[in-house]
């Protein structure tokens, strides 16, 4: 089991967003979370991705009790075990595609030569070997998203969390992204948890969960 969360509650003021959410994700699974805007999908993703803390509940990732860690330990754990892909790619504009991919590896204090080698291999795998030195503004939306995927993969994470990853892409780039996710799962046993409004992406998943009334329901 890569991810196991139980009894996750989260409120903002008087507004109850999550009301005791349970979720388990196995290795190599693609799990999508769908639901209306404002239903708490992204809130849940940020909590299980360790970017935010629940009011109460338990969270284990690869058997580690994340709730027992302090903020520094969580940051180190996140860098090593978790990758992220967002709707807005959050690439650093002053750096090339290759440099953007390398950054999490440098933060993890890996060997610079090994990090750059892996980054080049990932970008080649994602069809971007001819774009290594291009900056984000010189890349299409689909290319930027693939750079973001390579960045998420650089530290060989146990799970990648994606929040509306196709929300900023046209239909062609979205279809390419769907195929890429499936390929990474099939060829590399990469685990994905994806929040999406895109029904095609949701249907591609191994499991589809719906957030409703602060709880998750499985189709």
Protein backbone atom coordinates (compact mmCIF):
# COMPACT_ATOMS: atom_id res chain seq x y z
CA UNK A 1 0.00 0.00 0.00
CA UNK A 2 1.45 3.35 -1.08
CA UNK A 3 -1.12 5.61 0.57
CA UNK A 4 -3.52 5.04 3.45
CA UNK A 5 -5.49 7.87 5.03
CA UNK A 6 -8.31 7.51 7.52
CA UNK A 7 -10.82 9.82 9.18
CA UNK A 8 -9.53 12.98 7.49
CA UNK A 9 -11.38 16.08 8.70
CA UNK A 10 -10.76 19.64 7.56
CA UNK A 11 -12.68 22.84 8.25
CA UNK A 12 -12.13 26.49 7.43
CA UNK A 13 -13.87 28.58 10.05
CA UNK A 14 -17.43 27.31 10.27
CA UNK A 15 -17.23 25.56 6.89
CA UNK A 16 -16.68 21.80 7.09
CA UNK A 17 -14.86 20.66 3.95
CA UNK A 18 -13.79 17.08 4.72
CA UNK A 19 -15.93 15.03 7.09
CA UNK A 20 -14.02 11.84 7.77
CA UNK A 21 -12.48 10.85 4.43
CA UNK A 22 -10.86 7.43 4.01
CA UNK A 23 -8.66 6.54 1.03
CA UNK A 24 -6.22 3.77 0.16
CA UNK A 25 -4.07 3.59 -2.97
CA UNK A 26 -1.99 0.61 -4.04
CA UNK A 27 1.31 0.69 -5.92
CA UNK A 28 0.95 1.17 -9.66
CA UNK A 29 -2.64 2.38 -9.43
CA UNK A 30 -4.12 5.40 -11.16
CA UNK A 31 -6.87 6.76 -8.90
CA UNK A 32 -8.94 9.75 -9.98
CA UNK A 33 -11.04 11.96 -7.70
CA UNK A 34 -13.95 13.78 -9.31
CA UNK A 35 -16.73 15.97 -7.96
CA UNK A 36 -18.22 19.43 -8.16
CA UNK A 37 -16.08 22.54 -7.76
CA UNK A 38 -15.70 23.36 -4.09
CA UNK A 39 -16.41 19.80 -2.97
CA UNK A 40 -13.00 19.46 -1.28
CA UNK A 41 -11.07 17.48 -3.91
CA UNK A 42 -8.04 19.75 -3.95
CA UNK A 43 -8.14 20.16 -0.17
CA UNK A 44 -7.89 16.39 0.19
CA UNK A 45 -5.09 16.20 -2.38
CA UNK A 46 -3.07 18.84 -0.54
CA UNK A 47 -3.51 16.98 2.76
CA UNK A 48 -2.55 13.51 1.49
CA UNK A 49 0.26 15.20 -0.47
CA UNK A 50 1.57 16.68 2.83
CA UNK A 51 1.19 20.27 1.59
CA UNK A 52 -1.49 20.95 4.21
CA UNK A 53 -2.44 19.38 7.54
CA UNK A 54 -5.76 17.81 8.46
CA UNK A 55 -7.61 18.95 11.57
CA UNK A 56 -7.61 15.29 12.55
CA UNK A 57 -7.11 11.89 10.98
CA UNK A 58 -4.26 9.55 10.09
CA UNK A 59 -1.96 9.53 7.05
CA UNK A 60 0.54 6.86 6.06
CA UNK A 61 2.65 6.95 2.91
CA UNK A 62 4.76 3.88 2.12
CA UNK A 63 4.14 2.74 5.68
CA UNK A 64 5.46 5.93 7.27
CA UNK A 65 3.28 7.80 9.75
CA UNK A 66 3.42 11.28 8.27
CA UNK A 67 1.34 12.71 11.12
CA UNK A 68 4.17 11.99 13.57
CA UNK A 69 6.72 14.04 11.60
CA UNK A 70 7.72 17.64 12.21
CA UNK A 71 7.69 20.18 9.36
CA UNK A 72 11.35 19.62 8.42
CA UNK A 73 10.93 15.84 8.37
CA UNK A 74 7.79 16.20 6.24
CA UNK A 75 9.63 18.42 3.74
CA UNK A 76 12.46 15.89 3.39
CA UNK A 77 9.98 13.02 3.12
CA UNK A 78 7.95 14.88 0.49
CA UNK A 79 11.01 15.57 -1.64
CA UNK A 80 12.03 11.91 -1.60
CA UNK A 81 8.70 10.10 -1.91
CA UNK A 82 6.18 12.45 -3.56
CA UNK A 83 5.88 14.20 -6.92
CA UNK A 84 3.39 16.89 -7.97
CA UNK A 85 1.84 18.02 -11.24
CA UNK A 86 -0.47 21.03 -11.17
CA UNK A 87 -2.78 22.75 -13.67
CA UNK A 88 -0.39 25.70 -13.78
CA UNK A 89 2.95 24.06 -14.29
CA UNK A 90 4.90 26.20 -11.79
CA UNK A 91 8.06 25.98 -13.88
CA UNK A 92 10.66 28.58 -12.98
CA UNK A 93 10.77 30.94 -15.99
CA UNK A 94 14.45 31.83 -15.71
CA UNK A 95 15.58 28.20 -15.94
CA UNK A 96 15.69 25.81 -18.89
CA UNK A 97 13.57 22.66 -19.12
CA UNK A 98 16.55 20.58 -18.01
CA UNK A 99 17.30 22.84 -15.04
CA UNK A 100 13.64 22.84 -13.93
CA UNK A 101 13.62 19.04 -13.91
CA UNK A 102 16.88 18.87 -11.94
CA UNK A 103 15.81 21.21 -9.12
CA UNK A 104 14.08 18.63 -6.84
CA UNK A 105 17.11 16.38 -7.22
CA UNK A 106 19.43 19.17 -6.16
CA UNK A 107 17.17 19.94 -3.19
CA UNK A 108 17.47 16.28 -2.22
CA UNK A 109 21.27 16.69 -2.26
CA UNK A 110 21.80 14.01 -4.89
CA UNK A 111 24.90 13.76 -7.06
CA UNK A 112 24.65 16.56 -9.65
CA UNK A 113 26.01 14.43 -12.50
CA UNK A 114 23.57 11.60 -11.77
CA UNK A 115 20.66 14.04 -11.45
CA UNK A 116 21.39 15.68 -14.80
CA UNK A 117 21.77 12.27 -16.45
CA UNK A 118 18.40 11.11 -15.12
CA UNK A 119 16.76 14.41 -16.09
CA UNK A 120 17.99 14.02 -19.68
CA UNK A 121 16.76 10.42 -19.76
CA UNK A 122 13.33 11.46 -18.48
CA UNK A 123 13.00 14.30 -20.96
CA UNK A 124 14.04 11.95 -23.75
CA UNK A 125 11.48 9.38 -22.56
CA UNK A 126 8.83 12.13 -22.66
CA UNK A 127 9.81 13.21 -26.16
CA UNK A 128 11.59 16.41 -25.18
CA UNK A 129 15.24 15.62 -25.86
CA UNK A 130 15.30 18.46 -28.42
CA UNK A 131 13.97 20.97 -25.88
CA UNK A 132 16.46 20.59 -23.02
CA UNK A 133 17.75 24.16 -23.12
CA UNK A 134 14.44 25.86 -23.91
CA UNK A 135 12.86 28.03 -21.22
CA UNK A 136 9.18 27.61 -20.29
CA UNK A 137 8.05 30.57 -22.42
CA UNK A 138 9.56 28.82 -25.45
CA UNK A 139 7.52 25.65 -24.87
CA UNK A 140 3.92 24.82 -25.72
CA UNK A 141 1.44 24.10 -22.92
CA UNK A 142 1.71 20.37 -23.53
CA UNK A 143 5.51 20.53 -23.51
CA UNK A 144 5.50 22.50 -20.26
CA UNK A 145 3.26 19.88 -18.69
CA UNK A 146 5.62 17.10 -19.77
CA UNK A 147 8.53 19.01 -18.22
CA UNK A 148 6.44 19.21 -15.02
CA UNK A 149 5.91 15.43 -15.19
CA UNK A 150 9.66 14.85 -15.62
CA UNK A 151 10.31 17.11 -12.63
CA UNK A 152 7.78 15.10 -10.60
CA UNK A 153 9.57 11.87 -11.58
CA UNK A 154 13.18 12.98 -10.99
CA UNK A 155 13.48 11.59 -7.44
CA UNK A 156 11.66 8.33 -8.31
CA UNK A 157 8.65 9.11 -6.10
CA UNK A 158 6.33 6.47 -4.71
CA UNK A 159 3.28 8.52 -5.70
CA UNK A 160 2.52 11.50 -7.93
CA UNK A 161 -0.35 13.80 -7.02
CA UNK A 162 -1.88 15.71 -9.94
CA UNK A 163 -4.35 18.57 -9.47
CA UNK A 164 -6.35 19.32 -12.64
CA UNK A 165 -3.31 18.41 -14.79
CA UNK A 166 -5.15 18.89 -18.11
CA UNK A 167 -7.12 21.97 -17.06
CA UNK A 168 -4.84 24.30 -19.01
CA UNK A 169 -4.34 22.10 -22.09
CA UNK A 170 -6.15 21.86 -25.41
CA UNK A 171 -7.82 18.60 -26.40
CA UNK A 172 -4.81 17.26 -28.32
CA UNK A 173 -2.36 17.95 -25.50
CA UNK A 174 -4.86 16.52 -22.99
CA UNK A 175 -5.10 13.28 -24.98
CA UNK A 176 -1.30 13.05 -25.12
CA UNK A 177 -1.13 13.57 -21.36
CA UNK A 178 -3.70 10.80 -20.77
CA UNK A 179 -1.62 8.39 -22.83
CA UNK A 180 1.53 9.42 -20.96
CA UNK A 181 -0.05 8.72 -17.56
CA UNK A 182 -1.17 5.29 -18.71
CA UNK A 183 2.28 4.52 -20.14
CA UNK A 184 4.06 5.53 -16.92
CA UNK A 185 1.73 3.29 -14.95
CA UNK A 186 2.04 0.32 -17.30
CA UNK A 187 5.79 0.56 -17.93
CA UNK A 188 7.09 1.91 -14.62
CA UNK A 189 4.38 0.98 -12.10
CA UNK A 190 4.08 4.66 -11.25
CA UNK A 191 1.26 5.48 -8.83
CA UNK A 192 -0.99 8.49 -9.53
CA UNK A 193 -3.71 10.22 -7.54
CA UNK A 194 -5.45 12.70 -9.83
CA UNK A 195 -8.03 15.38 -9.09
CA UNK A 196 -9.81 16.19 -12.34
CA UNK A 197 -12.95 17.47 -14.03
CA UNK A 198 -11.85 15.71 -17.23
CA UNK A 199 -14.08 12.67 -17.66
CA UNK A 200 -11.77 11.01 -20.21
CA UNK A 201 -8.88 11.17 -17.76
CA UNK A 202 -11.11 9.89 -14.95
CA UNK A 203 -12.30 6.96 -17.06
CA UNK A 204 -8.71 6.04 -17.93
CA UNK A 205 -8.02 5.51 -14.23
CA UNK A 206 -8.03 2.15 -12.48
CA UNK A 207 -10.45 3.55 -9.91
CA UNK A 208 -12.67 6.60 -9.86
CA UNK A 209 -13.75 8.21 -6.58
CA UNK A 210 -16.33 10.97 -6.22
CA UNK A 211 -16.11 13.66 -3.55
CA UNK A 212 -19.58 14.55 -2.29
CA UNK A 213 -20.77 16.11 0.96
CA UNK A 214 -17.27 15.97 2.41
CA UNK A 215 -16.81 12.23 1.82
CA UNK A 216 -15.40 9.96 -0.89
CA UNK A 217 -17.54 7.44 -2.74
CA UNK A 218 -16.18 4.74 -5.05
CA UNK A 219 -17.77 3.99 -8.41
